[in-house]
Amino acid sequence: MAKFRFTVGPWNVHEGHETFGPGIRPEVPFEKKIRKFAEIGMDGVQFHDDDAVPDMNNLSEEAIVARAKEVKGLLDEHGLFAEFVAPRLWFDKRTNDGGYTASLDEDYEFAVWRSLRSVDIARALGTDKVQLWLAREGTLSAESKDPVEKIRRMRDAFNTILEYDENIKILIEPKPNEPIDRSYCGTCGHALAVAAETVDPSRVGVCIESAHSIMAGLDPANDMAFAIAWGKLWGVHLNDQNGIRYDQDKSFGAENLRSCFNQVKVLYENDFGDNGECVGLDVKTMRTQPADDQYRHIINSKKMFEKLLKKVKKFDYGFQKKCVAEQNFEKLDYYVMSLLLGDDED
């Protein structure tokens, strides 16, 4: 069993911006975040393209690569690696109505250009993974697009990325809604269906985020299991979520303890990490959190994973088999909850 490796993104330390209010904490310089990630036990860093190369739209392709190589040096200095690069299409005014599913051809072309630059940045950072969070790939007005045409065009964009670099891998990170309200690729099943229709399905997998599965009314552990069954779980974003509402990105284990236990369990039982996969944390600090302790949500999430991993390792498979043979699942439920409560001797 490979040692679990943990990653986090620079966006997980922020000023407290939200839909209903502006930032309230001072901005933390990028270099300081990288240094702190190493100090708190992270192994690697997740990147949006413009985390690594700010203002990249106004730079030449050569300058983009040069800046990314400088960031690679910073990572090396602190003993960190880059897990993936994700094109931040949803921030640009040209992709307000989608990138790969944009209404206007020129906006689609921009989205593809930006995605290929993410491949360039990934190469410079030393990773072979680009992650596609399909944030606006769908509609705000259902009748504004031909959904069949746009879904096929999304597939075509993936093909362009795969053909640009024969070594690059795509991780699709599905989400059912927000900021759009009708996603074209909202779940793990959708993502794997699109992957199967690309020019090289062997290079397209998924990243399952706990909160996104919950927002779709699904179980995160089962989504992970579904992807694992086909060899397609290449990343996870662990966090927590209070029901089917806006994307909260709460600290892992803060809301749904048994669900989080089963997420760790399915990863552990299936040797997640043996092929270089990472345990990604995608968590937001509370708006109320003091600036001098604004990495606590990341620290707590890693600690919670490690605590639940200890519980997973104590799980009595012999007792489970006995319960299954007896079809006595009340007994099994009580055992699991007692294990989680630290009262497994009862």
Protein backbone atom coordinates (compact mmCIF):
# COMPACT_ATOMS: atom_id res chain seq x y z
CA MET A 1 0.00 0.00 0.00
CA ALA A 2 1.44 3.30 -1.07
CA LYS A 3 1.75 6.07 1.47
CA PHE A 4 -1.03 8.58 1.00
CA ARG A 5 0.25 11.87 -0.41
CA PHE A 6 -1.67 15.07 0.31
CA THR A 7 -2.09 18.11 -1.91
CA VAL A 8 -3.86 21.45 -1.62
CA GLY A 9 -4.37 24.47 -3.86
CA PRO A 10 -3.41 28.12 -3.30
CA TRP A 11 -7.11 29.05 -3.60
CA ASN A 12 -7.80 27.14 -0.41
CA VAL A 13 -6.20 30.00 1.53
CA HIS A 14 -8.11 33.16 0.70
CA GLU A 15 -9.41 36.45 2.01
CA GLY A 16 -12.93 35.21 2.83
CA HIS A 17 -14.68 36.33 -0.35
CA GLU A 18 -18.14 34.85 -0.79
CA THR A 19 -21.34 35.52 -2.72
CA PHE A 20 -22.72 37.65 0.09
CA GLY A 21 -19.64 39.57 1.16
CA PRO A 22 -16.12 40.78 0.29
CA GLY A 23 -12.84 39.55 1.67
CA ILE A 24 -12.04 40.26 5.30
CA ARG A 25 -8.51 38.86 5.70
CA PRO A 26 -5.27 40.20 4.20
CA GLU A 27 -4.09 38.54 0.99
CA VAL A 28 -1.34 35.97 1.52
CA PRO A 29 1.50 36.10 -1.04
CA PHE A 30 1.79 33.04 -3.27
CA GLU A 31 5.34 32.21 -2.16
CA LYS A 32 4.29 32.32 1.50
CA LYS A 33 1.46 29.88 0.83
CA ILE A 34 3.84 27.43 -0.84
CA ARG A 35 6.25 27.60 2.10
CA LYS A 36 3.43 27.09 4.59
CA PHE A 37 2.01 24.12 2.69
CA ALA A 38 5.33 22.35 3.14
CA GLU A 39 5.42 23.27 6.84
CA ILE A 40 1.97 21.79 7.56
CA GLY A 41 2.75 18.48 5.90
CA MET A 42 1.47 18.78 2.36
CA ASP A 43 3.33 16.78 -0.27
CA GLY A 44 2.23 18.66 -3.36
CA VAL A 45 0.27 21.57 -4.77
CA GLN A 46 -2.77 21.74 -7.05
CA PHE A 47 -2.68 24.58 -9.57
CA HIS A 48 -5.03 26.60 -11.66
CA ASP A 49 -3.12 27.83 -14.68
CA ASP A 50 -3.10 31.43 -13.45
CA ASP A 51 -1.99 30.40 -9.96
CA ALA A 52 1.29 29.49 -11.61
CA VAL A 53 1.25 32.20 -14.29
CA PRO A 54 -0.76 35.30 -13.32
CA ASP A 55 -1.97 37.51 -16.17
CA MET A 56 -1.22 34.71 -18.61
CA ASN A 57 -3.67 36.00 -21.23
CA ASN A 58 -1.34 38.93 -21.82
CA LEU A 59 1.86 36.88 -22.08
CA SER A 60 3.46 35.11 -25.01
CA GLU A 61 3.48 31.34 -24.99
CA GLU A 62 7.23 31.41 -24.34
CA ALA A 63 6.81 33.76 -21.39
CA ILE A 64 4.09 31.54 -19.93
CA VAL A 65 6.43 28.55 -19.94
CA ALA A 66 9.31 30.59 -18.50
CA ARG A 67 7.19 31.77 -15.57
CA ALA A 68 5.96 28.23 -14.92
CA LYS A 69 9.56 27.02 -14.75
CA GLU A 70 10.24 29.61 -12.05
CA VAL A 71 7.36 28.18 -10.03
CA LYS A 72 8.81 24.68 -10.51
CA GLY A 73 11.98 25.96 -8.89
CA LEU A 74 9.99 27.28 -5.93
CA LEU A 75 8.30 23.89 -5.50
CA ASP A 76 11.65 22.11 -5.65
CA GLU A 77 13.03 24.48 -3.02
CA HIS A 78 10.33 23.39 -0.57
CA GLY A 79 10.25 19.70 -1.50
CA LEU A 80 6.83 19.87 -3.15
CA PHE A 81 5.48 18.70 -6.50
CA ALA A 82 2.66 19.84 -8.79
CA GLU A 83 -0.28 17.45 -8.90
CA PHE A 84 -2.16 18.98 -11.84
CA VAL A 85 -2.94 22.19 -13.71
CA ALA A 86 -6.54 23.29 -14.28
CA PRO A 87 -7.47 25.99 -16.82
CA ARG A 88 -9.49 28.60 -14.92
CA LEU A 89 -11.98 29.17 -17.69
CA TRP A 90 -14.87 30.22 -15.48
CA PHE A 91 -13.17 33.48 -14.40
CA ASP A 92 -12.81 35.01 -17.85
CA LYS A 93 -15.57 37.21 -19.30
CA ARG A 94 -15.23 35.31 -22.59
CA THR A 95 -16.38 32.11 -20.92
CA ASN A 96 -19.30 33.47 -18.91
CA ASP A 97 -21.56 31.22 -20.98
CA GLY A 98 -19.25 28.23 -20.97
CA GLY A 99 -15.85 27.50 -22.46
CA TYR A 100 -16.04 24.22 -24.36
CA THR A 101 -19.81 24.71 -24.64
CA ALA A 102 -19.74 28.46 -25.30
CA SER A 103 -22.49 29.99 -27.41
CA LEU A 104 -19.97 31.92 -29.53
CA ASP A 105 -17.27 30.25 -31.63
CA GLU A 106 -14.63 32.79 -30.65
CA ASP A 107 -15.20 32.01 -26.98
CA TYR A 108 -14.79 28.30 -27.66
CA GLU A 109 -11.52 29.00 -29.44
CA PHE A 110 -10.28 31.01 -26.46
CA ALA A 111 -11.18 28.16 -24.09
CA VAL A 112 -9.20 25.69 -26.20
CA TRP A 113 -6.22 28.09 -26.42
CA ARG A 114 -6.23 28.53 -22.66
CA SER A 115 -6.45 24.77 -22.13
CA LEU A 116 -3.45 24.12 -24.34
CA ARG A 117 -1.49 26.70 -22.37
CA SER A 118 -2.40 24.72 -19.24
CA VAL A 119 -0.77 21.70 -20.89
CA ASP A 120 2.36 23.80 -21.47
CA ILE A 121 2.34 24.90 -17.82
CA ALA A 122 1.84 21.31 -16.66
CA ARG A 123 4.90 20.21 -18.62
CA ALA A 124 6.98 23.01 -17.11
CA LEU A 125 5.81 22.12 -13.60
CA GLY A 126 6.64 18.45 -14.10
CA THR A 127 3.15 16.95 -14.10
CA ASP A 128 1.31 15.03 -16.82
CA LYS A 129 -2.17 15.88 -15.53
CA VAL A 130 -4.61 18.62 -16.48
CA GLN A 131 -7.84 18.80 -14.51
CA LEU A 132 -11.03 20.09 -16.07
CA TRP A 133 -13.60 21.47 -13.68
CA LEU A 134 -16.49 22.00 -16.09
CA ALA A 135 -17.81 24.92 -14.08
CA ARG A 136 -19.88 26.66 -16.76
CA GLU A 137 -20.27 23.81 -19.24
CA GLY A 138 -24.03 23.78 -19.52
CA THR A 139 -26.64 26.52 -19.60
CA LEU A 140 -28.16 29.36 -17.65
CA SER A 141 -31.01 29.51 -20.16
CA ALA A 142 -31.99 26.03 -21.28
CA GLU A 143 -33.06 27.04 -24.78
CA SER A 144 -29.92 29.08 -25.51
CA LYS A 145 -27.97 26.11 -26.86
CA ASP A 146 -28.39 22.89 -28.78
CA PRO A 147 -27.35 20.48 -26.02
CA VAL A 148 -26.42 17.63 -28.37
CA GLU A 149 -24.14 19.86 -30.43
CA LYS A 150 -22.49 21.39 -27.36
CA ILE A 151 -21.89 18.06 -25.61
CA ARG A 152 -20.16 16.76 -28.74
CA ARG A 153 -18.14 19.94 -28.96
CA MET A 154 -17.02 19.47 -25.36
CA ARG A 155 -15.75 16.03 -26.40
CA ASP A 156 -13.96 17.65 -29.34
CA ALA A 157 -12.16 20.04 -26.98
CA PHE A 158 -10.93 17.10 -24.93
CA ASN A 159 -9.65 15.50 -28.12
CA THR A 160 -7.74 18.65 -29.04
CA ILE A 161 -6.00 18.55 -25.64
CA LEU A 162 -5.14 14.85 -26.00
CA GLU A 163 -3.80 15.33 -29.53
CA TYR A 164 -1.69 18.33 -28.48
CA ASP A 165 0.43 16.21 -26.13
CA GLU A 166 0.53 12.43 -26.38
CA ASN A 167 1.60 12.12 -22.72
CA ILE A 168 -0.98 14.38 -21.10
CA LYS A 169 -3.79 12.92 -19.00
CA ILE A 170 -7.15 14.60 -18.44
CA LEU A 171 -8.98 14.39 -15.12
CA ILE A 172 -12.62 15.45 -15.39
CA GLU A 173 -14.00 16.89 -12.14
CA PRO A 174 -17.81 16.72 -12.45
CA LYS A 175 -20.22 19.03 -10.65
CA PRO A 176 -24.01 19.05 -11.05
CA ASN A 177 -24.67 22.80 -10.76
CA GLU A 178 -23.32 26.17 -9.64
CA PRO A 179 -22.35 28.55 -11.07
CA ILE A 180 -24.60 27.25 -13.87
CA ASP A 181 -27.89 25.55 -13.11
CA ARG A 182 -27.90 22.91 -15.86
CA SER A 183 -24.68 20.97 -16.29
CA TYR A 184 -23.91 18.88 -19.35
CA CYS A 185 -21.47 16.69 -17.41
CA GLY A 186 -22.62 16.71 -13.81
CA THR A 187 -21.65 13.33 -12.37
CA CYS A 188 -18.98 10.65 -12.47
CA GLY A 189 -21.11 8.61 -14.88
CA HIS A 190 -21.38 11.55 -17.29
CA ALA A 191 -17.62 12.11 -17.12
CA LEU A 192 -16.79 8.47 -17.87
CA ALA A 193 -19.24 8.44 -20.77
CA VAL A 194 -17.52 11.43 -22.36
CA ALA A 195 -14.10 9.88 -21.65
CA ALA A 196 -15.11 6.73 -23.53
CA GLU A 197 -15.89 8.79 -26.66
CA THR A 198 -12.51 10.58 -26.86
CA VAL A 199 -9.66 9.70 -29.20
CA ASP A 200 -7.76 8.05 -26.33
CA PRO A 201 -9.99 6.94 -23.44
CA SER A 202 -6.95 5.47 -21.66
CA ARG A 203 -5.78 9.02 -20.92
CA VAL A 204 -9.06 10.37 -19.53
CA GLY A 205 -10.12 9.70 -15.94
CA VAL A 206 -11.94 11.49 -13.15
CA CYS A 207 -11.40 13.39 -9.94
CA ILE A 208 -14.27 12.93 -7.49
CA GLU A 209 -15.00 15.78 -5.09
CA SER A 210 -16.98 14.86 -1.98
CA ALA A 211 -19.14 18.00 -2.00
CA HIS A 212 -19.99 17.72 -5.70
CA SER A 213 -21.28 14.17 -5.25
CA ILE A 214 -23.41 15.25 -2.29
CA MET A 215 -24.79 18.19 -4.32
CA ALA A 216 -25.93 15.66 -6.94
CA GLY A 217 -27.71 13.66 -4.23
CA LEU A 218 -25.11 10.88 -4.51
CA ASP A 219 -22.74 9.18 -2.11
CA PRO A 220 -19.09 10.24 -2.54
CA ALA A 221 -17.68 6.84 -1.54
CA ASN A 222 -19.86 5.11 -4.12
CA ASP A 223 -18.82 7.62 -6.79
CA MET A 224 -15.21 6.82 -5.97
CA ALA A 225 -15.96 3.10 -6.08
CA PHE A 226 -17.67 3.47 -9.47
CA ALA A 227 -14.56 5.12 -10.91
CA ILE A 228 -12.21 2.64 -9.23
CA ALA A 229 -14.16 -0.27 -10.75
CA TRP A 230 -13.07 0.90 -14.22
CA GLY A 231 -9.55 2.06 -13.26
CA LYS A 232 -10.56 5.71 -13.66
CA LEU A 233 -10.18 7.30 -10.22
CA TRP A 234 -7.06 9.38 -10.74
CA GLY A 235 -7.70 12.01 -8.08
CA VAL A 236 -9.99 12.99 -5.22
CA HIS A 237 -10.95 16.32 -3.68
CA LEU A 238 -11.96 15.62 -0.11
CA ASN A 239 -14.15 18.06 1.79
CA ASP A 240 -17.63 18.03 3.30
CA GLN A 241 -21.02 19.46 2.53
CA ASN A 242 -24.20 20.24 4.47
CA GLY A 243 -26.84 18.90 2.11
CA ILE A 244 -27.81 19.76 -1.47
CA ARG A 245 -27.07 23.46 -1.59
CA TYR A 246 -24.27 25.76 -2.76
CA ASP A 247 -20.75 24.35 -2.82
CA GLN A 248 -19.54 24.75 0.78
CA ASP A 249 -16.15 22.96 0.74
CA LYS A 250 -16.24 22.39 4.49
CA SER A 251 -13.35 20.69 6.25
CA PHE A 252 -13.27 16.94 5.65
CA GLY A 253 -15.33 15.15 8.28
CA ALA A 254 -17.07 18.26 9.57
CA GLU A 255 -20.59 17.15 8.58
CA ASN A 256 -20.90 13.53 7.42
CA LEU A 257 -18.54 11.41 9.50
CA ARG A 258 -19.72 7.98 8.36
CA SER A 259 -19.63 9.04 4.74
CA CYS A 260 -16.09 10.34 5.18
CA PHE A 261 -15.11 7.06 6.89
CA ASN A 262 -16.33 5.16 3.84
CA GLN A 263 -14.46 7.46 1.48
CA VAL A 264 -11.22 6.70 3.30
CA LYS A 265 -12.18 3.02 3.43
CA VAL A 266 -12.74 2.65 -0.31
CA LEU A 267 -9.47 4.44 -1.06
CA TYR A 268 -7.51 2.29 1.40
CA GLU A 269 -9.08 -1.01 0.34
CA ASN A 270 -8.31 -0.36 -3.32
CA ASP A 271 -4.71 0.79 -2.94
CA PHE A 272 -5.42 4.35 -4.04
CA GLY A 273 -2.08 6.08 -4.41
CA ASP A 274 -0.10 3.11 -5.70
CA ASN A 275 -0.10 4.65 -9.19
CA GLY A 276 0.77 8.16 -8.04
CA GLU A 277 -2.76 9.35 -7.22
CA CYS A 278 -3.02 12.02 -4.53
CA VAL A 279 -5.42 12.78 -1.72
CA GLY A 280 -6.39 16.30 -2.69
CA LEU A 281 -7.96 18.57 -0.09
CA ASP A 282 -10.29 21.21 -1.49
CA VAL A 283 -11.53 23.02 1.58
CA LYS A 284 -12.41 26.63 2.38
CA THR A 285 -11.65 28.29 5.67
CA MET A 286 -14.62 29.83 7.44
CA ARG A 287 -15.24 33.51 6.81
CA THR A 288 -14.87 34.10 10.56
CA GLN A 289 -11.44 32.48 10.82
CA PRO A 290 -8.65 34.72 12.21
CA ALA A 291 -5.87 35.52 9.75
CA ASP A 292 -3.22 34.12 12.11
CA ASP A 293 -4.81 30.66 11.98
CA GLN A 294 -6.17 30.46 8.44
CA TYR A 295 -4.52 27.15 7.56
CA ARG A 296 -6.46 25.32 10.29
CA HIS A 297 -9.05 23.90 7.87
CA ILE A 298 -6.30 22.20 5.85
CA ILE A 299 -4.54 20.90 8.95
CA ASN A 300 -7.82 19.61 10.39
CA SER A 301 -8.82 17.89 7.14
CA LYS A 302 -5.53 16.00 6.94
CA LYS A 303 -5.80 15.04 10.63
CA MET A 304 -9.37 13.83 10.14
CA PHE A 305 -8.31 11.66 7.18
CA GLU A 306 -5.55 10.14 9.29
CA LYS A 307 -7.89 9.53 12.25
CA LEU A 308 -10.43 7.84 10.00
CA LEU A 309 -7.67 5.79 8.37
CA LYS A 310 -6.86 4.36 11.81
CA LYS A 311 -10.53 3.42 12.19
CA VAL A 312 -10.52 1.80 8.74
CA LYS A 313 -7.50 -0.29 9.67
CA LYS A 314 -9.34 -1.51 12.80
CA PHE A 315 -12.43 -2.54 10.83
CA ASP A 316 -13.32 -6.17 11.63
CA TYR A 317 -13.92 -7.88 8.28
CA GLY A 318 -14.60 -11.18 10.00
CA PHE A 319 -17.44 -9.61 11.98
CA GLN A 320 -18.73 -7.96 8.82
CA LYS A 321 -18.85 -11.31 7.01
CA LYS A 322 -20.71 -12.84 9.95
CA CYS A 323 -23.30 -10.04 9.83
CA VAL A 324 -23.72 -10.52 6.10
CA ALA A 325 -24.17 -14.28 6.50
CA GLU A 326 -26.82 -13.61 9.15
CA GLN A 327 -28.30 -10.75 7.10
CA ASN A 328 -28.13 -8.78 10.33
CA PHE A 329 -27.30 -5.29 9.14
CA GLU A 330 -28.60 -3.62 12.29
CA LYS A 331 -25.75 -5.34 14.07
CA LEU A 332 -23.27 -4.16 11.45
CA ASP A 333 -24.55 -0.57 11.56
CA TYR A 334 -24.16 -0.46 15.31
CA TYR A 335 -20.64 -1.88 15.06
CA VAL A 336 -19.59 0.78 12.54
CA MET A 337 -21.01 3.64 14.59
CA SER A 338 -19.43 2.25 17.76
CA LEU A 339 -16.10 2.05 15.94
CA LEU A 340 -16.41 5.68 14.88
CA LEU A 341 -17.35 6.74 18.41
CA GLY A 342 -14.33 4.96 19.87
CA ASP A 343 -16.51 2.41 21.63
CA ASP A 344 -15.81 -0.59 19.42
CA GLU A 345 -15.31 -2.92 22.40
CA ASP A 346 -19.08 -2.86 23.10
